[in-house]
């Protein structure tokens, strides 16, 4: 089963509730890590690294609670860098109501999303999550491997299994990909993909300058 690592504050009850509901409609597992529970026993840096390594991408849920907690800010920056170094897509989510309330920069991100925790954004974020769902690929790979084994002669059983696995992957239904818009910040010249309503201002998550998506 695919899984996504979620960085968040335990005090962000609205964000946690919203994302939990979205994940519950998918086959992707959400791994919620709360900085406030970093006791060194149940959750520590090794456990976080392990969870990130097993995840398909990272969601960073930013809000004012993270902004106001220096310890939490440091962990967000570390996780962004660690995930990026290990080839994980880093998604940064900010509520639209928090515009100009957050200054934390995340240089290693790939996607930046300004969302509202409501029905209008439910399907879009659901689509983002489902784009990492590998359950259909795994099922079709297994089916293709079985077929390949059945149709092959005993002398060429291995070749049949490999061919079947290849066909299973090739025939698997492609996951729906979200679109977004790739931009290059005029100030820091960093490139990333934004998911914001048209004509809405937003901050550059790398240099914190105000930008506007006009197209």
Protein backbone atom coordinates (compact mmCIF):
# COMPACT_ATOMS: atom_id res chain seq x y z
CA UNK A 1 0.00 0.00 0.00
CA UNK A 2 1.22 3.48 -0.86
CA UNK A 3 1.71 5.87 2.02
CA UNK A 4 2.26 9.60 2.45
CA UNK A 5 4.18 11.15 5.33
CA UNK A 6 2.30 14.07 6.92
CA UNK A 7 4.18 16.79 8.80
CA UNK A 8 1.81 18.86 10.90
CA UNK A 9 1.09 20.39 14.27
CA UNK A 10 -1.16 18.52 16.70
CA UNK A 11 -2.90 21.86 17.31
CA UNK A 12 -4.01 22.11 13.68
CA UNK A 13 -7.26 20.26 14.35
CA UNK A 14 -9.00 21.66 11.29
CA UNK A 15 -6.22 20.59 8.91
CA UNK A 16 -5.87 17.15 10.50
CA UNK A 17 -9.61 16.51 10.33
CA UNK A 18 -9.87 17.64 6.70
CA UNK A 19 -6.93 15.59 5.41
CA UNK A 20 -8.00 12.54 7.42
CA UNK A 21 -11.40 12.65 5.72
CA UNK A 22 -9.80 12.94 2.28
CA UNK A 23 -7.39 10.06 2.92
CA UNK A 24 -10.27 7.89 4.15
CA UNK A 25 -11.70 7.95 0.60
CA UNK A 26 -8.48 6.60 -0.95
CA UNK A 27 -6.28 3.49 -0.79
CA UNK A 28 -3.30 5.56 0.36
CA UNK A 29 -2.19 5.45 3.99
CA UNK A 30 -1.50 8.70 5.85
CA UNK A 31 1.43 8.68 8.28
CA UNK A 32 0.80 11.53 10.71
CA UNK A 33 3.84 12.67 12.68
CA UNK A 34 3.32 15.28 15.37
CA UNK A 35 6.32 17.33 16.46
CA UNK A 36 4.79 17.83 19.90
CA UNK A 37 5.19 14.07 20.53
CA UNK A 38 8.92 13.93 19.82
CA UNK A 39 9.76 12.35 23.17
CA UNK A 40 12.64 10.19 22.03
CA UNK A 41 10.68 7.05 22.85
CA UNK A 42 7.66 6.51 20.59
CA UNK A 43 8.73 9.07 17.99
CA UNK A 44 12.32 10.10 17.33
CA UNK A 45 14.50 11.14 14.41
CA UNK A 46 15.23 7.53 13.41
CA UNK A 47 11.51 6.69 13.36
CA UNK A 48 10.79 9.78 11.24
CA UNK A 49 13.55 8.90 8.78
CA UNK A 50 12.17 5.37 8.53
CA UNK A 51 8.64 6.63 7.90
CA UNK A 52 9.82 9.10 5.24
CA UNK A 53 11.89 6.42 3.50
CA UNK A 54 8.83 4.17 3.28
CA UNK A 55 6.59 6.96 2.02
CA UNK A 56 5.91 7.94 -1.57
CA UNK A 57 5.94 11.67 -0.83
CA UNK A 58 5.71 14.21 1.99
CA UNK A 59 2.85 16.58 2.82
CA UNK A 60 3.79 19.60 4.93
CA UNK A 61 0.71 21.18 6.54
CA UNK A 62 1.77 24.67 7.52
CA UNK A 63 -0.22 26.85 9.90
CA UNK A 64 0.35 29.46 12.57
CA UNK A 65 1.10 26.88 15.27
CA UNK A 66 4.11 25.66 13.33
CA UNK A 67 5.08 29.24 12.59
CA UNK A 68 5.16 30.14 16.27
CA UNK A 69 7.11 27.08 17.46
CA UNK A 70 10.84 27.31 16.72
CA UNK A 71 11.38 23.62 17.43
CA UNK A 72 8.66 22.68 14.98
CA UNK A 73 9.97 25.07 12.33
CA UNK A 74 13.38 23.43 12.54
CA UNK A 75 11.85 19.97 12.08
CA UNK A 76 9.86 21.10 9.02
CA UNK A 77 13.02 22.43 7.38
CA UNK A 78 14.90 19.23 8.19
CA UNK A 79 12.16 16.95 6.87
CA UNK A 80 11.85 18.92 3.65
CA UNK A 81 15.56 18.59 3.04
CA UNK A 82 15.73 14.93 4.04
CA UNK A 83 12.77 14.00 1.87
CA UNK A 84 14.10 15.86 -1.14
CA UNK A 85 17.54 14.26 -0.79
CA UNK A 86 15.84 10.87 -0.83
CA UNK A 87 13.87 11.66 -4.00
CA UNK A 88 10.51 12.25 -2.31
CA UNK A 89 8.09 14.82 -3.70
CA UNK A 90 7.59 17.55 -1.11
CA UNK A 91 4.12 19.15 -1.07
CA UNK A 92 3.59 22.29 1.01
CA UNK A 93 -0.03 23.07 1.94
CA UNK A 94 -1.20 26.40 3.36
CA UNK A 95 -4.75 27.50 4.07
CA UNK A 96 -5.82 30.52 2.08
CA UNK A 97 -6.85 32.26 5.29
CA UNK A 98 -3.22 32.09 6.47
CA UNK A 99 -1.90 34.31 3.67
CA UNK A 100 0.72 36.69 5.11
CA UNK A 101 0.63 34.82 8.45
CA UNK A 102 3.36 32.32 7.56
CA UNK A 103 6.99 33.13 6.80
CA UNK A 104 8.62 29.69 7.01
CA UNK A 105 10.61 28.95 3.85
CA UNK A 106 10.82 25.45 2.34
CA UNK A 107 13.54 25.46 -0.35
CA UNK A 108 13.23 21.75 -1.16
CA UNK A 109 9.56 21.69 -2.13
CA UNK A 110 8.18 20.52 -5.48
CA UNK A 111 4.52 21.60 -5.08
CA UNK A 112 2.89 24.52 -3.29
CA UNK A 113 -0.86 24.42 -2.59
CA UNK A 114 -3.05 27.19 -1.15
CA UNK A 115 -6.28 25.47 -0.21
CA UNK A 116 -9.45 25.83 1.78
CA UNK A 117 -10.56 22.90 3.99
CA UNK A 118 -13.94 22.65 2.28
CA UNK A 119 -15.78 20.60 -0.34
CA UNK A 120 -14.43 22.67 -3.22
CA UNK A 121 -10.89 21.50 -2.49
CA UNK A 122 -11.78 18.01 -1.26
CA UNK A 123 -11.77 16.42 -4.72
CA UNK A 124 -8.61 18.21 -5.85
CA UNK A 125 -6.57 17.06 -2.86
CA UNK A 126 -8.12 13.62 -3.19
CA UNK A 127 -6.77 13.55 -6.75
CA UNK A 128 -3.32 14.53 -5.50
CA UNK A 129 -3.37 11.67 -2.99
CA UNK A 130 -4.71 9.15 -5.51
CA UNK A 131 -1.93 10.04 -7.95
CA UNK A 132 0.41 8.13 -5.59
CA UNK A 133 -1.87 5.09 -5.29
CA UNK A 134 0.02 2.04 -6.57
CA UNK A 135 -2.58 -0.58 -5.62
CA UNK A 136 -3.91 -0.87 -9.17
CA UNK A 137 -0.40 -1.27 -10.57
CA UNK A 138 0.42 -3.98 -8.03
CA UNK A 139 -2.77 -5.90 -8.77
CA UNK A 140 -2.21 -5.79 -12.50
CA UNK A 141 1.44 -6.75 -12.14
CA UNK A 142 0.44 -9.80 -10.09
CA UNK A 143 -2.24 -10.71 -12.63
CA UNK A 144 0.18 -10.29 -15.52
CA UNK A 145 2.81 -12.43 -13.77
CA UNK A 146 0.25 -15.19 -13.21
CA UNK A 147 -0.85 -15.11 -16.84
CA UNK A 148 2.76 -15.14 -18.01
CA UNK A 149 3.46 -18.21 -15.88
CA UNK A 150 0.41 -20.04 -17.20
CA UNK A 151 1.04 -19.47 -20.90
CA UNK A 152 4.76 -20.30 -20.73
CA UNK A 153 6.28 -23.72 -21.30
CA UNK A 154 8.02 -25.25 -18.31
CA UNK A 155 11.40 -24.74 -19.99
CA UNK A 156 10.78 -21.00 -20.28
CA UNK A 157 8.76 -20.39 -17.12
CA UNK A 158 10.98 -17.56 -15.84
CA UNK A 159 10.81 -15.68 -19.14
CA UNK A 160 7.04 -16.05 -19.07
CA UNK A 161 6.82 -14.64 -15.57
CA UNK A 162 8.96 -11.63 -16.50
CA UNK A 163 6.89 -10.99 -19.64
CA UNK A 164 3.69 -11.28 -17.64
CA UNK A 165 4.91 -8.77 -15.06
CA UNK A 166 5.87 -6.35 -17.83
CA UNK A 167 2.44 -6.65 -19.45
CA UNK A 168 0.76 -6.17 -16.10
CA UNK A 169 2.56 -2.86 -15.58
CA UNK A 170 1.93 -1.75 -19.14
CA UNK A 171 -1.79 -2.49 -18.89
CA UNK A 172 -2.26 -0.84 -15.51
CA UNK A 173 -4.52 2.17 -15.55
CA UNK A 174 -2.55 5.37 -15.22
CA UNK A 175 -3.28 7.31 -12.05
CA UNK A 176 -4.88 10.67 -12.63
CA UNK A 177 -2.31 13.43 -12.27
CA UNK A 178 -3.09 16.89 -11.00
CA UNK A 179 -2.08 19.75 -13.24
CA UNK A 180 -0.86 22.79 -11.32
CA UNK A 181 1.34 25.37 -13.00
CA UNK A 182 5.12 25.41 -12.99
CA UNK A 183 6.49 28.85 -12.25
CA UNK A 184 9.85 30.49 -11.67
CA UNK A 185 9.98 33.07 -8.90
CA UNK A 186 11.06 36.50 -10.18
CA UNK A 187 13.02 37.10 -6.98
CA UNK A 188 14.84 33.92 -5.96
CA UNK A 189 14.62 32.26 -9.44
CA UNK A 190 13.54 28.94 -7.93
CA UNK A 191 11.07 26.82 -9.90
CA UNK A 192 8.21 24.75 -8.48
CA UNK A 193 4.58 23.89 -9.23
CA UNK A 194 1.81 26.03 -7.74
CA UNK A 195 -1.79 24.99 -7.12
CA UNK A 196 -3.64 28.23 -6.35
CA UNK A 197 -6.84 29.90 -7.58
CA UNK A 198 -6.24 32.13 -10.57
CA UNK A 199 -5.51 35.78 -9.84
CA UNK A 200 -4.98 35.01 -6.14
CA UNK A 201 -1.80 36.39 -4.58
CA UNK A 202 0.47 33.95 -2.77
CA UNK A 203 3.89 33.93 -1.20
CA UNK A 204 6.94 32.26 -2.67
CA UNK A 205 7.58 29.37 -0.27
CA UNK A 206 11.31 29.62 -0.98
CA UNK A 207 12.02 33.34 -0.51
CA UNK A 208 8.72 34.53 1.04
CA UNK A 209 8.11 37.27 -1.56
CA UNK A 210 4.54 37.98 -2.67
CA UNK A 211 3.62 36.67 -6.11
CA UNK A 212 0.50 36.51 -8.26
CA UNK A 213 -0.59 33.83 -10.67
CA UNK A 214 -2.19 35.66 -13.61
CA UNK A 215 -2.54 33.06 -16.36
